[in-house]
Amino acid sequence: MTKCYTKVCKNCMSRNTKKDWSRRWKQSYKCKDCNYVWISVSRKKDIDTRKLYHDYSVHKQTYSELWTMKWISKKTIQRKLDSFILPNKVIEGREEIVLLIDTTYFGNMWLMVFKEVRWKMILHFEIVNYETNNWYKNWIRKLQEQWWIIKAIVCDWRRWLLWWFADIPTQMCQFHQQQIVRRYITKKPVLEANKELKVIVDWLHRCDEWAFRIDLERWYKKHESFLKEQWTKSNWKKYYIHKRTRCAYYSLKRNLEYLFIYERYWWELDIPNTTNGLEAVFSHLKYKVNLHRWLRQDRKIKLISYLLQH
């Protein structure tokens, strides 16, 4: 059964109609029976751009899926999404916060994020070319100027924070410390000293500072002579044989003072011992961005900005 596309007269309901001339770029029709003339209603669909972008970003709908749902072409969908203007979200702070800071890599750019721990709120994010100390310093200062009272900072280890913000307790992420040690002694060490050190480091997030210090000192006394073994090269210079094991140990020894800051302020502040709160945000972002393959740079930045604001 075929559809009938004959226009019906709005005056006498007759189908004896014909096309008349165009008025203002719209087709007009005329009834042959009653001579009634009317202008065709535009078939252009009124699409809510905000809802369209919300479905595209949050609900993870691709161009093809939106085209099937909305019955408009992919080019029109793309044009509508590009015309959407992100709302300017301003957060004014007058509270005491614990700040999580970290940076992740998105193919050809870096995303720096500042997150509040208690309310799980993104205070600021910035697209940067590289992860530098000055970016962190400037935005921490700006957050303080916005009346945010930063009581503690959790980061993946930035020594400058201790120098520039000595009055703010800084917790080093314990997971990043474990990764530093693993890079030196590997996941499956062969040497007996490395095996014992790996067992100690694996229990870092489950023990307190006092117990960890005792285990580390006991390990060092047991393998002190092993760490000091040297060999002489042809130029009569001496080199340590087990350099990577020494690097792993001294990394723990240098950072030990900042690995258990969360224990010292447990009655006053709820400081996490890792930056996993931001890692969850990063994995969620990358999953949604990867659903839209081959995004242009400006479209990718726009998508990331919208997801972080919602």
C-alpha atoms as a PDB file:
ATOM      1  CA  MET A   1       0.000   0.000   0.000  1.00  0.00           C
ATOM      2  CA  THR A   2       1.526   3.316  -1.075  1.00  0.00           C
ATOM      3  CA  LYS A   3       1.228   6.588   0.790  1.00  0.00           C
ATOM      4  CA  CYS A   4      -0.821   9.418  -0.669  1.00  0.00           C
ATOM      5  CA  TYR A   5       1.095  12.700  -0.660  1.00  0.00           C
ATOM      6  CA  THR A   6      -1.818  14.811  -1.976  1.00  0.00           C
ATOM      7  CA  LYS A   7      -2.396  17.869   0.178  1.00  0.00           C
ATOM      8  CA  VAL A   8      -5.793  18.249   1.863  1.00  0.00           C
ATOM      9  CA  CYS A   9      -7.503  21.626   1.786  1.00  0.00           C
ATOM     10  CA  LYS A  10      -7.795  23.108   5.275  1.00  0.00           C
ATOM     11  CA  ASN A  11     -11.012  24.908   4.366  1.00  0.00           C
ATOM     12  CA  CYS A  12     -13.202  22.311   2.602  1.00  0.00           C
ATOM     13  CA  MET A  13     -11.104  19.150   3.243  1.00  0.00           C
ATOM     14  CA  SER A  14     -10.910  18.447  -0.470  1.00  0.00           C
ATOM     15  CA  ARG A  15      -8.028  16.606  -2.086  1.00  0.00           C
ATOM     16  CA  ASN A  16      -8.465  18.452  -5.365  1.00  0.00           C
ATOM     17  CA  THR A  17      -5.450  20.670  -4.749  1.00  0.00           C
ATOM     18  CA  LYS A  18      -2.396  21.814  -6.638  1.00  0.00           C
ATOM     19  CA  LYS A  19       0.916  23.552  -6.000  1.00  0.00           C
ATOM     20  CA  ASP A  20       0.854  27.317  -6.147  1.00  0.00           C
ATOM     21  CA  TRP A  21       3.853  29.640  -6.370  1.00  0.00           C
ATOM     22  CA  SER A  22       6.390  29.983  -3.505  1.00  0.00           C
ATOM     23  CA  ARG A  23       6.090  32.670  -0.858  1.00  0.00           C
ATOM     24  CA  ARG A  24       9.148  33.535   1.265  1.00  0.00           C
ATOM     25  CA  TRP A  25      10.898  30.363   0.133  1.00  0.00           C
ATOM     26  CA  LYS A  26       7.976  28.223   1.297  1.00  0.00           C
ATOM     27  CA  GLN A  27       5.714  26.210  -0.944  1.00  0.00           C
ATOM     28  CA  SER A  28       2.063  27.345  -1.151  1.00  0.00           C
ATOM     29  CA  TYR A  29      -0.934  25.259  -2.218  1.00  0.00           C
ATOM     30  CA  LYS A  30      -4.340  26.116  -3.751  1.00  0.00           C
ATOM     31  CA  CYS A  31      -7.648  24.294  -3.590  1.00  0.00           C
ATOM     32  CA  LYS A  32      -9.353  23.969  -7.018  1.00  0.00           C
ATOM     33  CA  ASP A  33     -12.780  23.702  -5.433  1.00  0.00           C
ATOM     34  CA  CYS A  34     -12.872  26.666  -3.042  1.00  0.00           C
ATOM     35  CA  ASN A  35      -9.775  28.562  -4.233  1.00  0.00           C
ATOM     36  CA  TYR A  36      -8.326  28.540  -0.699  1.00  0.00           C
ATOM     37  CA  VAL A  37      -4.589  29.196  -0.588  1.00  0.00           C
ATOM     38  CA  TRP A  38      -2.284  28.212   2.268  1.00  0.00           C
ATOM     39  CA  ILE A  39       1.429  27.947   2.913  1.00  0.00           C
ATOM     40  CA  SER A  40       3.030  24.636   3.685  1.00  0.00           C
ATOM     41  CA  VAL A  41       4.176  24.080   7.234  1.00  0.00           C
ATOM     42  CA  SER A  42       7.944  23.702   7.532  1.00  0.00           C
ATOM     43  CA  ARG A  43       9.080  20.142   8.113  1.00  0.00           C
ATOM     44  CA  LYS A  44      12.160  21.312   9.930  1.00  0.00           C
ATOM     45  CA  LYS A  45      12.355  19.625  13.331  1.00  0.00           C
ATOM     46  CA  ASP A  46      12.861  21.669  16.454  1.00  0.00           C
ATOM     47  CA  ILE A  47      15.724  19.905  18.242  1.00  0.00           C
ATOM     48  CA  ASP A  48      16.839  20.681  21.775  1.00  0.00           C
ATOM     49  CA  THR A  49      20.599  21.142  21.326  1.00  0.00           C
ATOM     50  CA  ARG A  50      21.313  20.824  25.031  1.00  0.00           C
ATOM     51  CA  LYS A  51      19.515  17.484  25.278  1.00  0.00           C
ATOM     52  CA  LEU A  52      21.182  16.327  22.071  1.00  0.00           C
ATOM     53  CA  TYR A  53      24.652  17.050  23.476  1.00  0.00           C
ATOM     54  CA  HIS A  54      23.693  15.420  26.790  1.00  0.00           C
ATOM     55  CA  ASP A  55      22.716  12.232  24.937  1.00  0.00           C
ATOM     56  CA  TYR A  56      25.938  12.410  22.928  1.00  0.00           C
ATOM     57  CA  SER A  57      28.260  12.836  25.919  1.00  0.00           C
ATOM     58  CA  VAL A  58      26.648  11.413  29.069  1.00  0.00           C
ATOM     59  CA  HIS A  59      24.422   8.744  27.493  1.00  0.00           C
ATOM     60  CA  LYS A  60      27.227   7.757  25.094  1.00  0.00           C
ATOM     61  CA  GLN A  61      25.174   7.960  21.888  1.00  0.00           C
ATOM     62  CA  THR A  62      27.226   8.012  18.692  1.00  0.00           C
ATOM     63  CA  TYR A  63      26.351   9.893  15.497  1.00  0.00           C
ATOM     64  CA  SER A  64      24.761   6.779  13.999  1.00  0.00           C
ATOM     65  CA  GLU A  65      22.630   6.120  17.073  1.00  0.00           C
ATOM     66  CA  LEU A  66      21.473   9.739  17.265  1.00  0.00           C
ATOM     67  CA  TRP A  67      20.651   9.672  13.561  1.00  0.00           C
ATOM     68  CA  THR A  68      18.460   6.615  14.094  1.00  0.00           C
ATOM     69  CA  MET A  69      16.695   8.186  17.088  1.00  0.00           C
ATOM     70  CA  LYS A  70      16.210  11.738  15.783  1.00  0.00           C
ATOM     71  CA  TRP A  71      15.744  10.984  12.062  1.00  0.00           C
ATOM     72  CA  ILE A  72      18.067  13.737  10.966  1.00  0.00           C
ATOM     73  CA  SER A  73      21.275  13.447   8.993  1.00  0.00           C
ATOM     74  CA  LYS A  74      24.687  12.941  10.588  1.00  0.00           C
ATOM     75  CA  LYS A  75      25.905  16.259   9.219  1.00  0.00           C
ATOM     76  CA  THR A  76      22.999  18.075  10.870  1.00  0.00           C
ATOM     77  CA  ILE A  77      23.717  16.315  14.167  1.00  0.00           C
ATOM     78  CA  GLN A  78      27.372  17.277  13.930  1.00  0.00           C
ATOM     79  CA  ARG A  79      26.466  20.895  13.152  1.00  0.00           C
ATOM     80  CA  LYS A  80      24.060  21.014  16.107  1.00  0.00           C
ATOM     81  CA  LEU A  81      26.670  19.592  18.482  1.00  0.00           C
ATOM     82  CA  ASP A  82      29.284  22.082  17.297  1.00  0.00           C
ATOM     83  CA  SER A  83      26.883  24.990  17.837  1.00  0.00           C
ATOM     84  CA  PHE A  84      26.203  23.994  21.449  1.00  0.00           C
ATOM     85  CA  ILE A  85      27.822  26.434  23.896  1.00  0.00           C
ATOM     86  CA  LEU A  86      29.022  25.029  27.194  1.00  0.00           C
ATOM     87  CA  PRO A  87      27.498  26.686  30.280  1.00  0.00           C
ATOM     88  CA  ASN A  88      29.912  28.691  32.373  1.00  0.00           C
ATOM     89  CA  LYS A  89      29.980  26.918  35.724  1.00  0.00           C
ATOM     90  CA  VAL A  90      31.398  29.036  38.554  1.00  0.00           C
ATOM     91  CA  ILE A  91      32.151  27.469  41.944  1.00  0.00           C
ATOM     92  CA  GLU A  92      32.686  29.853  44.841  1.00  0.00           C
ATOM     93  CA  GLY A  93      34.425  28.385  47.813  1.00  0.00           C
ATOM     94  CA  ARG A  94      34.409  29.275  51.467  1.00  0.00           C
ATOM     95  CA  GLU A  95      35.077  25.864  52.986  1.00  0.00           C
ATOM     96  CA  GLU A  96      37.985  23.832  54.275  1.00  0.00           C
ATOM     97  CA  ILE A  97      38.931  21.190  51.724  1.00  0.00           C
ATOM     98  CA  VAL A  98      41.363  18.356  51.065  1.00  0.00           C
ATOM     99  CA  LEU A  99      42.654  18.676  47.506  1.00  0.00           C
ATOM    100  CA  LEU A 100      43.412  15.847  45.096  1.00  0.00           C
ATOM    101  CA  ILE A 101      45.639  16.868  42.173  1.00  0.00           C
ATOM    102  CA  ASP A 102      46.845  14.824  39.240  1.00  0.00           C
ATOM    103  CA  THR A 103      47.380  14.942  35.473  1.00  0.00           C
ATOM    104  CA  THR A 104      46.575  12.362  32.804  1.00  0.00           C
ATOM    105  CA  TYR A 105      47.472  11.987  29.133  1.00  0.00           C
ATOM    106  CA  PHE A 106      44.886  12.130  26.333  1.00  0.00           C
ATOM    107  CA  GLY A 107      46.744  11.151  23.180  1.00  0.00           C
ATOM    108  CA  ASN A 108      48.258  14.514  22.280  1.00  0.00           C
ATOM    109  CA  MET A 109      47.414  16.659  25.313  1.00  0.00           C
ATOM    110  CA  TRP A 110      47.519  16.634  29.099  1.00  0.00           C
ATOM    111  CA  LEU A 111      44.515  17.106  31.383  1.00  0.00           C
ATOM    112  CA  MET A 112      45.184  18.588  34.837  1.00  0.00           C
ATOM    113  CA  VAL A 113      42.378  18.157  37.400  1.00  0.00           C
ATOM    114  CA  PHE A 114      41.834  19.536  40.922  1.00  0.00           C
ATOM    115  CA  LYS A 115      39.231  17.604  42.916  1.00  0.00           C
ATOM    116  CA  GLU A 116      37.771  18.110  46.400  1.00  0.00           C
ATOM    117  CA  VAL A 117      37.697  14.919  48.468  1.00  0.00           C
ATOM    118  CA  ARG A 118      34.661  15.247  50.737  1.00  0.00           C
ATOM    119  CA  TRP A 119      32.044  16.399  48.187  1.00  0.00           C
ATOM    120  CA  LYS A 120      33.800  14.695  45.229  1.00  0.00           C
ATOM    121  CA  MET A 121      33.577  17.916  43.266  1.00  0.00           C
ATOM    122  CA  ILE A 122      35.848  19.024  40.406  1.00  0.00           C
ATOM    123  CA  LEU A 123      37.042  22.495  41.396  1.00  0.00           C
ATOM    124  CA  HIS A 124      39.142  23.151  38.326  1.00  0.00           C
ATOM    125  CA  PHE A 125      40.556  21.448  35.246  1.00  0.00           C
ATOM    126  CA  GLU A 126      42.979  22.681  32.628  1.00  0.00           C
ATOM    127  CA  ILE A 127      44.209  21.423  29.243  1.00  0.00           C
ATOM    128  CA  VAL A 128      48.002  21.807  29.246  1.00  0.00           C
ATOM    129  CA  ASN A 129      50.835  20.880  26.911  1.00  0.00           C
ATOM    130  CA  TYR A 130      52.976  19.374  29.656  1.00  0.00           C
ATOM    131  CA  GLU A 131      52.673  18.535  33.348  1.00  0.00           C
ATOM    132  CA  THR A 132      54.758  21.253  34.985  1.00  0.00           C
ATOM    133  CA  ASN A 133      55.162  22.478  38.543  1.00  0.00           C
ATOM    134  CA  ASN A 134      54.223  26.058  37.662  1.00  0.00           C
ATOM    135  CA  TRP A 135      50.744  24.996  36.501  1.00  0.00           C
ATOM    136  CA  TYR A 136      50.096  23.345  39.854  1.00  0.00           C
ATOM    137  CA  LYS A 137      51.489  26.291  41.775  1.00  0.00           C
ATOM    138  CA  ASN A 138      49.474  28.924  39.902  1.00  0.00           C
ATOM    139  CA  TRP A 139      46.140  27.133  40.201  1.00  0.00           C
ATOM    140  CA  ILE A 140      46.586  26.310  43.879  1.00  0.00           C
ATOM    141  CA  ARG A 141      47.190  30.015  44.449  1.00  0.00           C
ATOM    142  CA  LYS A 142      44.080  30.888  42.440  1.00  0.00           C
ATOM    143  CA  LEU A 143      41.965  28.454  44.456  1.00  0.00           C
ATOM    144  CA  GLN A 144      43.206  30.101  47.633  1.00  0.00           C
ATOM    145  CA  GLU A 145      42.314  33.505  46.197  1.00  0.00           C
ATOM    146  CA  GLN A 146      38.777  32.174  45.598  1.00  0.00           C
ATOM    147  CA  TRP A 147      38.487  31.643  49.377  1.00  0.00           C
ATOM    148  CA  TRP A 148      39.045  27.911  49.349  1.00  0.00           C
ATOM    149  CA  ILE A 149      40.853  26.927  52.556  1.00  0.00           C
ATOM    150  CA  ILE A 150      43.179  24.077  51.547  1.00  0.00           C
ATOM    151  CA  LYS A 151      43.903  21.962  54.636  1.00  0.00           C
ATOM    152  CA  ALA A 152      45.824  19.161  52.871  1.00  0.00           C
ATOM    153  CA  ILE A 153      47.018  18.076  49.419  1.00  0.00           C
ATOM    154  CA  VAL A 154      47.243  14.561  47.997  1.00  0.00           C
ATOM    155  CA  CYS A 155      49.442  14.179  44.914  1.00  0.00           C
ATOM    156  CA  ASP A 156      51.620  11.669  43.077  1.00  0.00           C
ATOM    157  CA  TRP A 157      54.739  13.296  44.531  1.00  0.00           C
ATOM    158  CA  ARG A 158      55.832  16.816  43.789  1.00  0.00           C
ATOM    159  CA  ARG A 159      58.732  17.975  45.962  1.00  0.00           C
ATOM    160  CA  TRP A 160      58.078  21.640  45.255  1.00  0.00           C
ATOM    161  CA  LEU A 161      54.787  21.429  47.185  1.00  0.00           C
ATOM    162  CA  LEU A 162      56.796  20.990  50.360  1.00  0.00           C
ATOM    163  CA  TRP A 163      58.820  24.114  49.616  1.00  0.00           C
ATOM    164  CA  TRP A 164      56.148  26.460  48.249  1.00  0.00           C
ATOM    165  CA  PHE A 165      53.289  25.307  50.507  1.00  0.00           C
ATOM    166  CA  ALA A 166      55.136  24.268  53.640  1.00  0.00           C
ATOM    167  CA  ASP A 167      52.122  25.128  55.824  1.00  0.00           C
ATOM    168  CA  ILE A 168      49.874  22.625  53.965  1.00  0.00           C
ATOM    169  CA  PRO A 169      50.318  18.900  54.809  1.00  0.00           C
ATOM    170  CA  THR A 170      51.108  16.971  51.626  1.00  0.00           C
ATOM    171  CA  GLN A 171      50.358  13.268  51.330  1.00  0.00           C
ATOM    172  CA  MET A 172      52.206  11.260  48.692  1.00  0.00           C
ATOM    173  CA  CYS A 173      50.118   8.660  46.892  1.00  0.00           C
ATOM    174  CA  GLN A 174      51.136   5.256  48.232  1.00  0.00           C
ATOM    175  CA  PHE A 175      50.192   3.515  45.000  1.00  0.00           C
ATOM    176  CA  HIS A 176      52.606   5.742  43.036  1.00  0.00           C
ATOM    177  CA  GLN A 177      55.338   4.894  45.535  1.00  0.00           C
ATOM    178  CA  GLN A 178      54.693   1.191  44.988  1.00  0.00           C
ATOM    179  CA  GLN A 179      54.945   1.751  41.232  1.00  0.00           C
ATOM    180  CA  ILE A 180      58.280   3.561  41.658  1.00  0.00           C
ATOM    181  CA  VAL A 181      59.711   0.582  43.545  1.00  0.00           C
ATOM    182  CA  ARG A 182      58.325  -1.886  40.981  1.00  0.00           C
ATOM    183  CA  ARG A 183      60.065  -0.040  38.171  1.00  0.00           C
ATOM    184  CA  TYR A 184      63.383  -0.697  39.910  1.00  0.00           C
ATOM    185  CA  ILE A 185      62.940  -4.283  41.164  1.00  0.00           C
ATOM    186  CA  THR A 186      60.270  -5.467  38.617  1.00  0.00           C
ATOM    187  CA  LYS A 187      57.059  -7.356  39.378  1.00  0.00           C
ATOM    188  CA  LYS A 188      58.811 -10.727  39.594  1.00  0.00           C
ATOM    189  CA  PRO A 189      62.231 -10.086  41.178  1.00  0.00           C
ATOM    190  CA  VAL A 190      64.937 -12.757  41.106  1.00  0.00           C
ATOM    191  CA  LEU A 191      67.299 -11.578  43.886  1.00  0.00           C
ATOM    192  CA  GLU A 192      66.361 -12.519  47.442  1.00  0.00           C
ATOM    193  CA  ALA A 193      66.733  -8.934  48.691  1.00  0.00           C
ATOM    194  CA  ASN A 194      64.355  -7.669  46.006  1.00  0.00           C
ATOM    195  CA  LYS A 195      61.798 -10.360  46.825  1.00  0.00           C
ATOM    196  CA  GLU A 196      61.765  -9.361  50.495  1.00  0.00           C
ATOM    197  CA  LEU A 197      61.560  -5.660  49.620  1.00  0.00           C
ATOM    198  CA  LYS A 198      58.604  -6.341  47.310  1.00  0.00           C
ATOM    199  CA  VAL A 199      56.725  -8.077  50.150  1.00  0.00           C
ATOM    200  CA  ILE A 200      57.299  -5.062  52.412  1.00  0.00           C
ATOM    201  CA  VAL A 201      56.155  -2.567  49.754  1.00  0.00           C
ATOM    202  CA  ASP A 202      53.043  -4.599  48.907  1.00  0.00           C
ATOM    203  CA  TRP A 203      51.899  -4.140  52.520  1.00  0.00           C
ATOM    204  CA  LEU A 204      52.456  -0.388  52.434  1.00  0.00           C
ATOM    205  CA  HIS A 205      48.743   0.517  52.233  1.00  0.00           C
ATOM    206  CA  ARG A 206      47.757  -1.954  54.964  1.00  0.00           C
ATOM    207  CA  CYS A 207      50.196  -1.161  57.765  1.00  0.00           C
ATOM    208  CA  ASP A 208      50.907   1.921  59.867  1.00  0.00           C
ATOM    209  CA  GLU A 209      54.009   4.102  59.819  1.00  0.00           C
ATOM    210  CA  TRP A 210      55.629   2.540  62.878  1.00  0.00           C
ATOM    211  CA  ALA A 211      55.396  -1.022  61.550  1.00  0.00           C
ATOM    212  CA  PHE A 212      56.600  -0.024  58.085  1.00  0.00           C
ATOM    213  CA  ARG A 213      59.652   1.781  59.489  1.00  0.00           C
ATOM    214  CA  ILE A 214      60.610  -1.256  61.556  1.00  0.00           C
ATOM    215  CA  ASP A 215      60.275  -3.628  58.579  1.00  0.00           C
ATOM    216  CA  LEU A 216      62.317  -1.328  56.330  1.00  0.00           C
ATOM    217  CA  GLU A 217      65.110  -0.907  58.909  1.00  0.00           C
ATOM    218  CA  ARG A 218      65.220  -4.652  59.527  1.00  0.00           C
ATOM    219  CA  TRP A 219      65.515  -5.277  55.786  1.00  0.00           C
ATOM    220  CA  TYR A 220      68.342  -2.740  55.464  1.00  0.00           C
ATOM    221  CA  LYS A 221      70.368  -4.228  58.335  1.00  0.00           C
ATOM    222  CA  LYS A 222      70.006  -7.681  56.808  1.00  0.00           C
ATOM    223  CA  HIS A 223      71.104  -6.602  53.295  1.00  0.00           C
ATOM    224  CA  GLU A 224      73.442  -3.707  54.114  1.00  0.00           C
ATOM    225  CA  SER A 225      76.543  -5.448  52.841  1.00  0.00           C
ATOM    226  CA  PHE A 226      74.638  -6.541  49.729  1.00  0.00           C
ATOM    227  CA  LEU A 227      73.730  -2.920  48.918  1.00  0.00           C
ATOM    228  CA  LYS A 228      77.318  -1.723  49.396  1.00  0.00           C
ATOM    229  CA  GLU A 229      78.911  -4.207  46.996  1.00  0.00           C
ATOM    230  CA  GLN A 230      81.031  -2.413  44.393  1.00  0.00           C
ATOM    231  CA  TRP A 231      83.126  -3.246  41.385  1.00  0.00           C
ATOM    232  CA  THR A 232      86.060  -1.370  39.831  1.00  0.00           C
ATOM    233  CA  LYS A 233      86.042  -0.485  36.171  1.00  0.00           C
ATOM    234  CA  SER A 234      89.060  -0.188  33.879  1.00  0.00           C
ATOM    235  CA  ASN A 235      89.294   3.547  34.622  1.00  0.00           C
ATOM    236  CA  TRP A 236      89.712   2.699  38.359  1.00  0.00           C
ATOM    237  CA  LYS A 237      86.326   4.125  39.256  1.00  0.00           C
ATOM    238  CA  LYS A 238      84.071   2.206  41.627  1.00  0.00           C
ATOM    239  CA  TYR A 239      80.401   1.515  40.872  1.00  0.00           C
ATOM    240  CA  TYR A 240      77.655  -0.094  42.914  1.00  0.00           C
ATOM    241  CA  ILE A 241      76.673  -3.514  41.618  1.00  0.00           C
ATOM    242  CA  HIS A 242      73.023  -3.468  42.759  1.00  0.00           C
ATOM    243  CA  LYS A 243      72.192   0.085  41.780  1.00  0.00           C
ATOM    244  CA  ARG A 244      68.495  -0.497  41.077  1.00  0.00           C
ATOM    245  CA  THR A 245      67.913  -2.086  44.476  1.00  0.00           C
ATOM    246  CA  ARG A 246      69.630   0.875  46.123  1.00  0.00           C
ATOM    247  CA  CYS A 247      67.427   3.307  44.174  1.00  0.00           C
ATOM    248  CA  ALA A 248      64.283   1.482  45.309  1.00  0.00           C
ATOM    249  CA  TYR A 249      65.363   1.524  48.954  1.00  0.00           C
ATOM    250  CA  TYR A 250      66.451   5.171  49.036  1.00  0.00           C
ATOM    251  CA  SER A 251      63.242   6.225  47.276  1.00  0.00           C
ATOM    252  CA  LEU A 252      61.304   4.666  50.160  1.00  0.00           C
ATOM    253  CA  LYS A 253      63.622   6.197  52.723  1.00  0.00           C
ATOM    254  CA  ARG A 254      63.348   9.738  51.266  1.00  0.00           C
ATOM    255  CA  ASN A 255      59.571   9.652  50.873  1.00  0.00           C
ATOM    256  CA  LEU A 256      58.790   7.816  54.118  1.00  0.00           C
ATOM    257  CA  GLU A 257      58.043  11.045  55.952  1.00  0.00           C
ATOM    258  CA  TYR A 258      55.232  11.901  53.511  1.00  0.00           C
ATOM    259  CA  LEU A 259      53.670   8.462  52.980  1.00  0.00           C
ATOM    260  CA  PHE A 260      51.704   8.467  56.254  1.00  0.00           C
ATOM    261  CA  ILE A 261      50.514  12.072  56.552  1.00  0.00           C
ATOM    262  CA  TYR A 262      46.915  10.791  56.585  1.00  0.00           C
ATOM    263  CA  GLU A 263      47.611   8.993  59.906  1.00  0.00           C
ATOM    264  CA  ARG A 264      48.886  12.118  61.645  1.00  0.00           C
ATOM    265  CA  TYR A 265      45.667  14.064  60.936  1.00  0.00           C
ATOM    266  CA  TRP A 266      43.086  11.264  61.168  1.00  0.00           C
ATOM    267  CA  TRP A 267      41.148  12.976  63.981  1.00  0.00           C
ATOM    268  CA  GLU A 268      40.940  16.295  62.120  1.00  0.00           C
ATOM    269  CA  LEU A 269      40.966  15.601  58.374  1.00  0.00           C
ATOM    270  CA  ASP A 270      39.795  12.754  56.176  1.00  0.00           C
ATOM    271  CA  ILE A 271      42.897  12.517  53.977  1.00  0.00           C
ATOM    272  CA  PRO A 272      43.034   9.621  51.487  1.00  0.00           C
ATOM    273  CA  ASN A 273      46.337   7.776  51.159  1.00  0.00           C
ATOM    274  CA  THR A 274      46.109   7.514  47.333  1.00  0.00           C
ATOM    275  CA  THR A 275      44.899   9.542  44.353  1.00  0.00           C
ATOM    276  CA  ASN A 276      42.496   6.771  43.303  1.00  0.00           C
ATOM    277  CA  GLY A 277      39.604   9.257  43.512  1.00  0.00           C
ATOM    278  CA  LEU A 278      41.047  11.008  40.453  1.00  0.00           C
ATOM    279  CA  GLU A 279      42.103   7.816  38.701  1.00  0.00           C
ATOM    280  CA  ALA A 280      38.441   6.764  38.686  1.00  0.00           C
ATOM    281  CA  VAL A 281      37.520  10.090  37.050  1.00  0.00           C
ATOM    282  CA  PHE A 282      40.233   9.637  34.414  1.00  0.00           C
ATOM    283  CA  SER A 283      39.196   6.082  33.512  1.00  0.00           C
ATOM    284  CA  HIS A 284      35.546   7.185  33.224  1.00  0.00           C
ATOM    285  CA  LEU A 285      36.531  10.091  30.950  1.00  0.00           C
ATOM    286  CA  LYS A 286      38.739   7.989  28.701  1.00  0.00           C
ATOM    287  CA  TYR A 287      36.048   5.343  28.317  1.00  0.00           C
ATOM    288  CA  LYS A 288      33.478   7.887  27.115  1.00  0.00           C
ATOM    289  CA  VAL A 289      35.900   9.763  24.875  1.00  0.00           C
ATOM    290  CA  ASN A 290      37.102   6.535  23.240  1.00  0.00           C
ATOM    291  CA  LEU A 291      33.519   5.714  22.231  1.00  0.00           C
ATOM    292  CA  HIS A 292      33.699   8.634  19.760  1.00  0.00           C
ATOM    293  CA  ARG A 293      36.643   7.663  17.595  1.00  0.00           C
ATOM    294  CA  TRP A 294      38.830  10.098  15.658  1.00  0.00           C
ATOM    295  CA  LEU A 295      37.516  13.210  17.386  1.00  0.00           C
ATOM    296  CA  ARG A 296      38.962  16.526  16.356  1.00  0.00           C
ATOM    297  CA  GLN A 297      41.031  18.326  19.002  1.00  0.00           C
ATOM    298  CA  ASP A 298      38.481  21.053  19.754  1.00  0.00           C
ATOM    299  CA  ARG A 299      35.603  18.560  19.886  1.00  0.00           C
ATOM    300  CA  LYS A 300      37.522  16.323  22.263  1.00  0.00           C
ATOM    301  CA  ILE A 301      38.263  19.244  24.600  1.00  0.00           C
ATOM    302  CA  LYS A 302      34.605  20.278  24.505  1.00  0.00           C
ATOM    303  CA  LEU A 303      33.463  16.738  25.345  1.00  0.00           C
ATOM    304  CA  ILE A 304      35.912  16.440  28.253  1.00  0.00           C
ATOM    305  CA  SER A 305      34.870  19.836  29.614  1.00  0.00           C
ATOM    306  CA  TYR A 306      31.165  18.939  29.508  1.00  0.00           C
ATOM    307  CA  LEU A 307      31.726  15.592  31.251  1.00  0.00           C
ATOM    308  CA  LEU A 308      33.788  17.169  34.021  1.00  0.00           C
ATOM    309  CA  GLN A 309      31.097  19.783  34.682  1.00  0.00           C
ATOM    310  CA  HIS A 310      28.339  17.174  35.071  1.00  0.00           C
END
